[in-house]
């Protein structure tokens, strides 16, 4: 049974009073089951999580619900979980929530965002077949993708992550970094080919 957390008013009140804590302090609050943990999480990472959800859903109400659900899931997960990176932990939960909601919205013929386009593009690199049947296979794939990203230049890595992690549109990436849309598209095309070649070299079924 999930713990009920009443934090909405606390968040509004605290935002007027002070700055956010660091991650270690926030996690300590979670371990003490102090509801200020949610307040501090929203203060520090609320906008970050909302952007992730918005780039998938393009709907404020749905995005806000995904973020609130992410806070509740984080509350229920810590303890015993102690995230190495609270930001990454929240981002992953929010993204998963948003994708699940996107799929429900699409089935009901509403919603939108860049998810479908991103998945179609990435299908060129990873088929999404059931061949990755074991945890070892999955971990190997994750390790390969991380190594691939580590070998990219800064601009290439930013473009790739903005498109396929944050699911930003090509236009938004172009505007945010002062890069022509055609260059963004060509860069993504080349990176997908390089990723496919790299995965094949590492023995990952694509």
Protein backbone atom coordinates (compact mmCIF):
# COMPACT_ATOMS: atom_id res chain seq x y z
CA UNK A 1 0.00 0.00 0.00
CA UNK A 2 1.40 3.41 -0.98
CA UNK A 3 2.16 6.06 1.58
CA UNK A 4 -0.01 9.15 1.26
CA UNK A 5 2.07 12.32 1.20
CA UNK A 6 0.39 15.70 1.63
CA UNK A 7 2.99 18.11 0.30
CA UNK A 8 1.31 20.54 -2.12
CA UNK A 9 0.83 23.34 0.42
CA UNK A 10 4.25 22.70 1.94
CA UNK A 11 5.86 23.22 -1.46
CA UNK A 12 4.05 26.50 -2.02
CA UNK A 13 4.96 27.76 1.44
CA UNK A 14 8.61 26.73 1.30
CA UNK A 15 9.30 28.20 -2.12
CA UNK A 16 8.87 31.63 -0.55
CA UNK A 17 11.38 30.97 2.23
CA UNK A 18 14.72 29.61 1.09
CA UNK A 19 17.12 27.83 -1.24
CA UNK A 20 17.26 24.16 -2.03
CA UNK A 21 19.40 21.68 -0.09
CA UNK A 22 22.05 19.53 -1.71
CA UNK A 23 21.22 15.98 -2.78
CA UNK A 24 22.79 14.28 0.24
CA UNK A 25 20.69 16.41 2.59
CA UNK A 26 17.53 15.72 0.61
CA UNK A 27 18.15 11.97 0.64
CA UNK A 28 18.70 12.13 4.39
CA UNK A 29 15.23 13.68 4.69
CA UNK A 30 13.78 10.81 2.68
CA UNK A 31 15.43 8.28 4.98
CA UNK A 32 13.90 10.09 7.94
CA UNK A 33 10.49 10.11 6.20
CA UNK A 34 10.41 13.89 6.55
CA UNK A 35 7.94 15.43 4.07
CA UNK A 36 10.35 18.31 3.55
CA UNK A 37 12.15 15.83 1.27
CA UNK A 38 9.36 16.29 -1.28
CA UNK A 39 9.41 20.05 -0.82
CA UNK A 40 13.14 20.21 -1.40
CA UNK A 41 12.95 17.82 -4.35
CA UNK A 42 10.39 20.01 -6.06
CA UNK A 43 12.35 23.16 -5.30
CA UNK A 44 15.55 21.78 -6.81
CA UNK A 45 14.31 19.49 -9.58
CA UNK A 46 10.69 20.40 -10.25
CA UNK A 47 11.39 22.37 -13.45
CA UNK A 48 13.83 19.71 -14.67
CA UNK A 49 11.25 16.94 -14.25
CA UNK A 50 8.49 19.03 -15.81
CA UNK A 51 10.58 19.66 -18.94
CA UNK A 52 11.17 15.91 -19.35
CA UNK A 53 7.45 15.18 -19.09
CA UNK A 54 6.44 18.16 -21.26
CA UNK A 55 8.76 17.16 -24.11
CA UNK A 56 6.96 13.82 -24.29
CA UNK A 57 3.37 14.88 -23.59
CA UNK A 58 3.02 18.55 -24.59
CA UNK A 59 0.32 18.90 -21.96
CA UNK A 60 0.76 20.82 -18.70
CA UNK A 61 -1.80 18.91 -16.65
CA UNK A 62 -0.50 15.49 -17.72
CA UNK A 63 3.08 16.60 -17.18
CA UNK A 64 2.32 17.87 -13.68
CA UNK A 65 0.65 14.58 -12.78
CA UNK A 66 3.67 12.63 -14.02
CA UNK A 67 5.99 14.76 -11.89
CA UNK A 68 3.80 14.37 -8.80
CA UNK A 69 3.67 10.62 -9.37
CA UNK A 70 7.47 10.62 -9.65
CA UNK A 71 7.72 12.34 -6.24
CA UNK A 72 5.44 9.73 -4.69
CA UNK A 73 7.41 6.87 -6.26
CA UNK A 74 10.63 8.42 -4.99
CA UNK A 75 9.13 8.76 -1.50
CA UNK A 76 8.16 5.08 -1.53
CA UNK A 77 11.51 3.94 -2.95
CA UNK A 78 13.78 5.80 -0.49
CA UNK A 79 14.58 3.98 1.74
CA UNK A 80 15.79 1.34 1.08
CA UNK A 81 17.09 2.70 -2.24
CA UNK A 82 19.86 5.28 -1.96
CA UNK A 83 20.28 6.85 -5.44
CA UNK A 84 23.80 7.61 -6.59
CA UNK A 85 22.33 10.58 -8.49
CA UNK A 86 18.99 11.94 -7.27
CA UNK A 87 18.62 13.98 -10.47
CA UNK A 88 19.06 10.94 -12.72
CA UNK A 89 16.80 8.86 -10.45
CA UNK A 90 13.98 11.42 -10.70
CA UNK A 91 14.53 11.93 -14.41
CA UNK A 92 14.22 8.22 -15.17
CA UNK A 93 11.02 7.84 -13.13
CA UNK A 94 9.45 10.96 -14.66
CA UNK A 95 10.36 9.88 -18.18
CA UNK A 96 8.90 6.40 -17.66
CA UNK A 97 5.71 7.90 -16.24
CA UNK A 98 5.40 10.27 -19.18
CA UNK A 99 5.97 7.53 -21.77
CA UNK A 100 3.34 5.34 -20.11
CA UNK A 101 0.88 8.23 -20.12
CA UNK A 102 1.75 9.03 -23.74
CA UNK A 103 0.92 5.45 -24.71
CA UNK A 104 -2.42 5.67 -22.90
CA UNK A 105 -3.17 9.02 -24.51
CA UNK A 106 -2.28 7.74 -27.96
CA UNK A 107 -4.60 4.76 -27.51
CA UNK A 108 -7.35 7.27 -26.72
CA UNK A 109 -6.41 9.37 -29.79
CA UNK A 110 -5.20 12.37 -27.83
CA UNK A 111 -1.86 13.71 -26.66
CA UNK A 112 1.27 14.33 -28.72
CA UNK A 113 4.97 15.10 -28.48
CA UNK A 114 8.11 13.74 -30.06
CA UNK A 115 7.99 10.19 -28.65
CA UNK A 116 6.75 8.43 -31.79
CA UNK A 117 9.28 10.19 -34.01
CA UNK A 118 12.16 9.42 -31.63
CA UNK A 119 11.23 5.75 -31.38
CA UNK A 120 10.98 5.47 -35.15
CA UNK A 121 14.42 7.02 -35.57
CA UNK A 122 16.02 4.80 -32.94
CA UNK A 123 14.52 1.72 -34.57
CA UNK A 124 17.29 2.18 -37.14
CA UNK A 125 19.80 1.36 -34.39
CA UNK A 126 18.02 -1.03 -32.03
CA UNK A 127 15.08 -3.06 -33.24
CA UNK A 128 13.45 -3.49 -29.84
CA UNK A 129 13.13 -7.24 -30.43
CA UNK A 130 12.93 -9.80 -27.66
CA UNK A 131 16.51 -10.93 -28.26
CA UNK A 132 17.62 -8.87 -25.27
CA UNK A 133 15.99 -11.44 -23.07
CA UNK A 134 18.31 -11.45 -20.07
CA UNK A 135 19.48 -8.90 -17.56
CA UNK A 136 23.06 -9.46 -18.73
CA UNK A 137 22.05 -8.64 -22.32
CA UNK A 138 20.29 -5.47 -21.16
CA UNK A 139 23.23 -4.38 -18.99
CA UNK A 140 25.60 -5.00 -21.91
CA UNK A 141 23.46 -2.81 -24.17
CA UNK A 142 23.37 -0.01 -21.57
CA UNK A 143 27.13 -0.24 -21.10
CA UNK A 144 27.70 -0.06 -24.86
CA UNK A 145 25.48 2.99 -25.26
CA UNK A 146 27.23 4.74 -22.36
CA UNK A 147 30.64 3.99 -23.91
CA UNK A 148 29.39 5.25 -27.26
CA UNK A 149 28.20 8.51 -25.72
CA UNK A 150 31.46 8.94 -23.81
CA UNK A 151 33.34 8.81 -27.10
CA UNK A 152 31.35 11.61 -28.71
CA UNK A 153 32.32 15.24 -28.84
CA UNK A 154 30.44 17.63 -26.55
CA UNK A 155 28.15 19.04 -29.25
CA UNK A 156 27.32 15.60 -30.66
CA UNK A 157 26.58 14.21 -27.20
CA UNK A 158 24.30 17.14 -26.35
CA UNK A 159 22.36 16.81 -29.61
CA UNK A 160 21.95 13.04 -29.16
CA UNK A 161 20.79 13.29 -25.55
CA UNK A 162 18.46 16.21 -26.20
CA UNK A 163 16.76 14.24 -28.96
CA UNK A 164 16.69 10.73 -27.54
CA UNK A 165 16.65 11.26 -23.77
CA UNK A 166 14.75 14.54 -23.37
CA UNK A 167 12.87 13.95 -26.65
CA UNK A 168 13.26 17.55 -27.76
CA UNK A 169 12.23 18.51 -31.27
CA UNK A 170 14.87 19.28 -33.91
CA UNK A 171 13.59 22.87 -33.94
CA UNK A 172 14.05 23.25 -30.16
CA UNK A 173 17.58 21.84 -30.30
CA UNK A 174 18.40 24.19 -33.16
CA UNK A 175 17.05 27.23 -31.29
CA UNK A 176 18.60 26.38 -27.92
CA UNK A 177 22.12 25.89 -29.25
CA UNK A 178 22.19 28.18 -32.28
CA UNK A 179 22.65 25.27 -34.68
CA UNK A 180 20.90 25.07 -38.05
CA UNK A 181 18.06 22.55 -38.25
CA UNK A 182 19.71 20.84 -41.22
CA UNK A 183 22.91 20.38 -39.22
CA UNK A 184 20.96 18.88 -36.30
CA UNK A 185 19.22 16.42 -38.65
CA UNK A 186 22.45 15.42 -40.38
CA UNK A 187 24.25 15.03 -37.05
CA UNK A 188 21.49 12.78 -35.71
CA UNK A 189 21.49 10.69 -38.89
CA UNK A 190 25.25 10.17 -38.68
CA UNK A 191 25.12 9.40 -34.96
CA UNK A 192 22.41 6.77 -35.46
CA UNK A 193 24.54 5.08 -38.12
CA UNK A 194 27.61 5.22 -35.88
CA UNK A 195 25.63 3.81 -32.97
CA UNK A 196 24.31 0.94 -35.09
CA UNK A 197 27.81 0.11 -36.33
CA UNK A 198 29.18 0.32 -32.80
CA UNK A 199 26.50 -1.99 -31.37
CA UNK A 200 27.06 -4.51 -34.14
CA UNK A 201 30.81 -4.43 -33.44
CA UNK A 202 30.09 -5.08 -29.74
CA UNK A 203 27.90 -8.06 -30.57
CA UNK A 204 24.55 -6.46 -29.68
CA UNK A 205 21.65 -7.75 -31.80
CA UNK A 206 20.25 -4.80 -33.74
